[in-house]
């Protein structure tokens, strides 16, 4: 079965989030990192991390899954989304994506 590549962008609830998160938000971000590391170990995630954009930091993940539903399931079960604190994901297909492993 073939896999599809996707670019996932996690947008925090405010542009200053990376610099002024509360203790509870920092704990949530630790849970978020554990979640994505687990998906990486399962082979679904190629890379993920924080992008230090001067206009406002955000998170990214490059994933390889079989269906669009799979990428939606990955993002919707992220602890940041389940916490319902204003995080959102933008997900884009990478039709010509290539990964060297």
N, C-alpha and C. Protein backbone atom coordinates (compact mmCIF):
# COMPACT_ATOMS: atom_id res chain seq x y z
N UNK A 1 0.83 -1.18 0.00
CA UNK A 1 0.00 0.00 0.00
C UNK A 1 0.89 1.25 0.00
N UNK A 2 0.49 2.26 -0.74
CA UNK A 2 1.30 3.47 -0.82
C UNK A 2 0.94 4.44 0.31
N UNK A 3 1.87 5.30 0.63
CA UNK A 3 1.65 6.30 1.67
C UNK A 3 1.60 7.68 1.06
N UNK A 4 0.94 8.57 1.75
CA UNK A 4 0.85 9.97 1.35
C UNK A 4 1.61 10.80 2.38
N UNK A 5 2.24 11.87 1.92
CA UNK A 5 2.96 12.77 2.82
C UNK A 5 2.10 14.02 3.07
N UNK A 6 2.16 14.51 4.30
CA UNK A 6 1.40 15.69 4.69
C UNK A 6 2.27 16.61 5.54
N UNK A 7 2.05 17.91 5.39
CA UNK A 7 2.65 18.95 6.24
C UNK A 7 1.56 19.38 7.21
N UNK A 8 1.83 19.24 8.49
CA UNK A 8 0.87 19.61 9.54
C UNK A 8 1.43 20.80 10.31
N UNK A 9 0.66 21.86 10.38
CA UNK A 9 1.09 23.08 11.08
C UNK A 9 0.19 23.29 12.29
N UNK A 10 0.78 23.25 13.48
CA UNK A 10 0.03 23.49 14.72
C UNK A 10 0.13 24.97 15.07
N UNK A 11 -1.01 25.62 15.09
CA UNK A 11 -1.06 27.05 15.39
C UNK A 11 -1.50 27.21 16.85
N UNK A 12 -0.66 27.86 17.66
CA UNK A 12 -0.99 28.03 19.07
C UNK A 12 -2.10 29.07 19.26
N UNK A 13 -2.64 29.15 20.48
CA UNK A 13 -3.74 30.07 20.72
C UNK A 13 -3.38 31.55 20.67
N UNK A 14 -2.09 31.86 20.68
CA UNK A 14 -1.65 33.27 20.58
C UNK A 14 -0.22 33.29 20.03
N UNK A 15 0.15 34.36 19.32
CA UNK A 15 1.49 34.43 18.71
C UNK A 15 2.63 34.38 19.72
N UNK A 16 2.40 34.80 20.94
CA UNK A 16 3.45 34.85 21.96
C UNK A 16 3.54 33.56 22.78
N UNK A 17 2.77 32.57 22.43
CA UNK A 17 2.64 31.35 23.23
C UNK A 17 3.98 30.74 23.63
N UNK A 18 4.91 30.61 22.70
CA UNK A 18 6.20 29.96 22.99
C UNK A 18 6.99 30.71 24.06
N UNK A 19 6.69 31.99 24.25
CA UNK A 19 7.45 32.81 25.20
C UNK A 19 6.73 33.05 26.52
N UNK A 20 5.41 32.87 26.53
CA UNK A 20 4.68 33.22 27.76
C UNK A 20 3.69 32.15 28.21
N UNK A 21 3.95 30.90 27.84
CA UNK A 21 3.02 29.85 28.24
C UNK A 21 3.03 29.66 29.76
N UNK A 22 1.88 29.30 30.27
CA UNK A 22 1.74 29.04 31.70
C UNK A 22 2.33 27.67 32.04
N UNK A 23 2.39 27.37 33.33
CA UNK A 23 2.87 26.06 33.76
C UNK A 23 1.99 24.94 33.21
N UNK A 24 0.69 25.14 33.24
CA UNK A 24 -0.25 24.14 32.72
C UNK A 24 -0.07 23.96 31.21
N UNK A 25 0.17 25.06 30.50
CA UNK A 25 0.41 24.98 29.06
C UNK A 25 1.72 24.28 28.76
N UNK A 26 2.74 24.52 29.58
CA UNK A 26 4.03 23.84 29.39
C UNK A 26 3.87 22.34 29.57
N UNK A 27 3.07 21.94 30.55
CA UNK A 27 2.80 20.52 30.77
C UNK A 27 2.06 19.93 29.56
N UNK A 28 1.11 20.68 29.02
CA UNK A 28 0.39 20.24 27.83
C UNK A 28 1.35 20.06 26.66
N UNK A 29 2.31 20.96 26.51
CA UNK A 29 3.27 20.85 25.42
C UNK A 29 4.17 19.63 25.59
N UNK A 30 4.47 19.26 26.82
CA UNK A 30 5.23 18.03 27.07
C UNK A 30 4.42 16.81 26.62
N UNK A 31 3.12 16.81 26.94
CA UNK A 31 2.24 15.72 26.51
C UNK A 31 2.17 15.66 24.98
N UNK A 32 2.12 16.82 24.36
CA UNK A 32 2.10 16.94 22.90
C UNK A 32 3.37 16.31 22.30
N UNK A 33 4.53 16.62 22.87
CA UNK A 33 5.79 16.07 22.37
C UNK A 33 5.84 14.56 22.54
N UNK A 34 5.38 14.06 23.67
CA UNK A 34 5.35 12.61 23.90
C UNK A 34 4.44 11.94 22.87
N UNK A 35 3.30 12.55 22.61
CA UNK A 35 2.36 12.02 21.62
C UNK A 35 3.02 11.89 20.25
N UNK A 36 3.68 12.97 19.78
CA UNK A 36 4.29 12.94 18.44
C UNK A 36 5.52 12.03 18.39
N UNK A 37 6.27 11.93 19.48
CA UNK A 37 7.38 10.96 19.52
C UNK A 37 6.86 9.54 19.35
N UNK A 38 5.74 9.26 20.00
CA UNK A 38 5.13 7.94 19.86
C UNK A 38 4.71 7.65 18.44
N UNK A 39 4.15 8.63 17.75
CA UNK A 39 3.75 8.44 16.35
C UNK A 39 4.99 8.29 15.47
N UNK A 40 6.10 8.94 15.87
CA UNK A 40 7.36 8.80 15.13
C UNK A 40 7.87 7.36 15.28
N UNK A 41 7.82 6.84 16.48
CA UNK A 41 8.27 5.47 16.72
C UNK A 41 7.42 4.46 15.94
N UNK A 42 6.16 4.80 15.71
CA UNK A 42 5.26 3.93 14.93
C UNK A 42 5.51 4.05 13.43
N UNK A 43 6.33 5.02 13.02
CA UNK A 43 6.66 5.20 11.62
C UNK A 43 5.74 6.13 10.85
N UNK A 44 4.84 6.82 11.54
CA UNK A 44 3.91 7.73 10.86
C UNK A 44 4.48 9.14 10.71
N UNK A 45 5.42 9.51 11.57
CA UNK A 45 5.95 10.88 11.59
C UNK A 45 7.41 10.86 11.15
N UNK A 46 7.72 11.69 10.17
CA UNK A 46 9.09 11.81 9.68
C UNK A 46 9.87 12.77 10.57
N UNK A 47 9.28 13.92 10.87
CA UNK A 47 9.89 14.91 11.75
C UNK A 47 8.81 15.80 12.33
N UNK A 48 9.11 16.42 13.45
CA UNK A 48 8.20 17.40 14.04
C UNK A 48 9.02 18.34 14.91
N UNK A 49 8.48 19.52 15.16
CA UNK A 49 9.18 20.45 16.04
C UNK A 49 8.65 21.86 15.94
N UNK A 50 9.27 22.72 16.71
CA UNK A 50 8.89 24.13 16.79
C UNK A 50 9.61 24.92 15.70
N UNK A 51 8.87 25.82 15.06
CA UNK A 51 9.45 26.74 14.08
C UNK A 51 9.46 28.12 14.74
N UNK A 52 10.65 28.71 14.86
CA UNK A 52 10.81 30.00 15.53
C UNK A 52 10.60 31.14 14.54
N UNK A 53 9.39 31.25 14.05
CA UNK A 53 9.03 32.32 13.11
C UNK A 53 8.96 33.63 13.88
N UNK A 54 9.65 34.69 13.45
CA UNK A 54 9.62 35.97 14.16
C UNK A 54 8.21 36.55 14.29
N UNK A 55 7.30 36.16 13.38
CA UNK A 55 5.91 36.66 13.44
C UNK A 55 5.07 35.87 14.44
N UNK A 56 5.60 34.79 14.96
CA UNK A 56 4.89 33.94 15.90
C UNK A 56 5.27 32.49 15.68
N UNK A 57 5.77 31.85 16.69
CA UNK A 57 6.20 30.46 16.58
C UNK A 57 5.01 29.54 16.37
N UNK A 58 5.27 28.39 15.75
CA UNK A 58 4.26 27.37 15.54
C UNK A 58 4.96 26.03 15.43
N UNK A 59 4.20 24.98 15.51
CA UNK A 59 4.76 23.65 15.39
C UNK A 59 4.49 23.06 14.02
N UNK A 60 5.39 22.16 13.59
CA UNK A 60 5.16 21.46 12.33
C UNK A 60 5.41 19.97 12.52
N UNK A 61 4.78 19.22 11.67
CA UNK A 61 5.04 17.79 11.59
C UNK A 61 4.93 17.37 10.14
N UNK A 62 5.83 16.53 9.70
CA UNK A 62 5.73 15.92 8.38
C UNK A 62 5.36 14.47 8.64
N UNK A 63 4.23 14.05 8.10
CA UNK A 63 3.75 12.70 8.37
C UNK A 63 3.57 11.93 7.07
N UNK A 64 3.69 10.63 7.18
CA UNK A 64 3.43 9.73 6.06
C UNK A 64 2.42 8.69 6.53
N UNK A 65 1.23 8.75 5.94
CA UNK A 65 0.15 7.85 6.30
C UNK A 65 -0.54 7.38 5.02
N UNK A 66 -1.42 6.40 5.15
CA UNK A 66 -2.07 5.83 3.97
C UNK A 66 -3.24 6.65 3.45
N UNK A 67 -3.99 7.30 4.35
CA UNK A 67 -5.20 8.00 3.91
C UNK A 67 -5.31 9.39 4.54
N UNK A 68 -6.15 10.21 3.95
CA UNK A 68 -6.45 11.52 4.51
C UNK A 68 -7.07 11.37 5.91
N UNK A 69 -7.88 10.35 6.08
CA UNK A 69 -8.50 10.10 7.39
C UNK A 69 -7.44 9.82 8.45
N UNK A 70 -6.35 9.16 8.06
CA UNK A 70 -5.28 8.86 9.02
C UNK A 70 -4.63 10.13 9.53
N UNK A 71 -4.38 11.09 8.66
CA UNK A 71 -3.73 12.33 9.11
C UNK A 71 -4.71 13.13 9.97
N UNK A 72 -5.99 13.10 9.63
CA UNK A 72 -6.98 13.79 10.45
C UNK A 72 -7.05 13.16 11.85
N UNK A 73 -6.97 11.83 11.90
CA UNK A 73 -6.98 11.14 13.20
C UNK A 73 -5.76 11.52 14.03
N UNK A 74 -4.59 11.63 13.39
CA UNK A 74 -3.37 12.02 14.11
C UNK A 74 -3.52 13.41 14.72
N UNK A 75 -4.00 14.35 13.94
CA UNK A 75 -4.08 15.72 14.44
C UNK A 75 -5.21 15.90 15.45
N UNK A 76 -6.33 15.24 15.25
CA UNK A 76 -7.47 15.41 16.14
C UNK A 76 -7.28 14.75 17.50
N UNK A 77 -6.36 13.79 17.58
CA UNK A 77 -6.11 13.15 18.88
C UNK A 77 -4.87 13.72 19.58
N UNK A 78 -4.26 14.74 18.99
CA UNK A 78 -3.16 15.45 19.64
C UNK A 78 -3.69 16.05 20.95
N UNK A 79 -2.95 15.92 22.04
CA UNK A 79 -3.40 16.48 23.32
C UNK A 79 -3.72 17.98 23.27
N UNK A 80 -3.03 18.74 22.43
CA UNK A 80 -3.32 20.18 22.35
C UNK A 80 -4.71 20.43 21.79
N UNK A 81 -5.14 19.63 20.84
CA UNK A 81 -6.47 19.78 20.25
C UNK A 81 -7.52 19.28 21.23
N UNK A 82 -7.26 18.14 21.84
CA UNK A 82 -8.22 17.58 22.79
C UNK A 82 -8.43 18.48 24.01
N UNK A 83 -7.41 19.29 24.35
CA UNK A 83 -7.53 20.20 25.49
C UNK A 83 -8.49 21.35 25.22
N UNK A 84 -8.79 21.61 23.96
CA UNK A 84 -9.74 22.65 23.56
C UNK A 84 -9.37 24.03 24.14
N UNK A 85 -8.08 24.40 23.95
CA UNK A 85 -7.58 25.67 24.46
C UNK A 85 -7.25 26.67 23.35
N UNK A 86 -7.73 26.41 22.14
CA UNK A 86 -7.52 27.36 21.05
C UNK A 86 -6.44 26.97 20.06
N UNK A 87 -5.83 25.80 20.20
CA UNK A 87 -4.88 25.32 19.20
C UNK A 87 -5.64 24.84 17.98
N UNK A 88 -5.05 25.02 16.81
CA UNK A 88 -5.63 24.49 15.57
C UNK A 88 -4.53 23.92 14.69
N UNK A 89 -4.91 23.00 13.84
CA UNK A 89 -4.00 22.45 12.85
C UNK A 89 -4.42 22.89 11.46
N UNK A 90 -3.44 23.20 10.63
CA UNK A 90 -3.62 23.31 9.19
C UNK A 90 -2.89 22.11 8.62
N UNK A 91 -3.52 21.38 7.71
CA UNK A 91 -2.93 20.18 7.14
C UNK A 91 -2.93 20.33 5.62
N UNK A 92 -1.75 20.10 5.03
CA UNK A 92 -1.59 20.23 3.58
C UNK A 92 -0.97 18.97 3.01
N UNK A 93 -1.54 18.50 1.92
CA UNK A 93 -0.99 17.36 1.21
C UNK A 93 0.32 17.76 0.55
N UNK A 94 1.26 16.82 0.48
CA UNK A 94 2.53 17.04 -0.20
C UNK A 94 2.60 16.03 -1.36
N UNK A 95 1.92 16.33 -2.46
CA UNK A 95 1.82 15.33 -3.54
C UNK A 95 3.15 14.93 -4.16
N UNK A 96 4.15 15.76 -4.04
CA UNK A 96 5.46 15.40 -4.60
C UNK A 96 6.51 15.28 -3.50
N UNK A 97 6.05 15.02 -2.28
CA UNK A 97 6.96 14.89 -1.16
C UNK A 97 7.84 13.65 -1.30
N UNK A 98 9.06 13.77 -0.89
CA UNK A 98 10.01 12.64 -0.92
C UNK A 98 10.79 12.65 0.38
N UNK A 99 10.99 11.48 0.93
CA UNK A 99 11.70 11.36 2.20
C UNK A 99 12.83 10.38 2.04
N UNK A 100 13.99 10.75 2.53
CA UNK A 100 15.15 9.86 2.52
C UNK A 100 15.23 9.19 3.88
N UNK A 101 15.16 7.89 3.91
CA UNK A 101 15.23 7.18 5.20
C UNK A 101 16.36 6.21 5.16
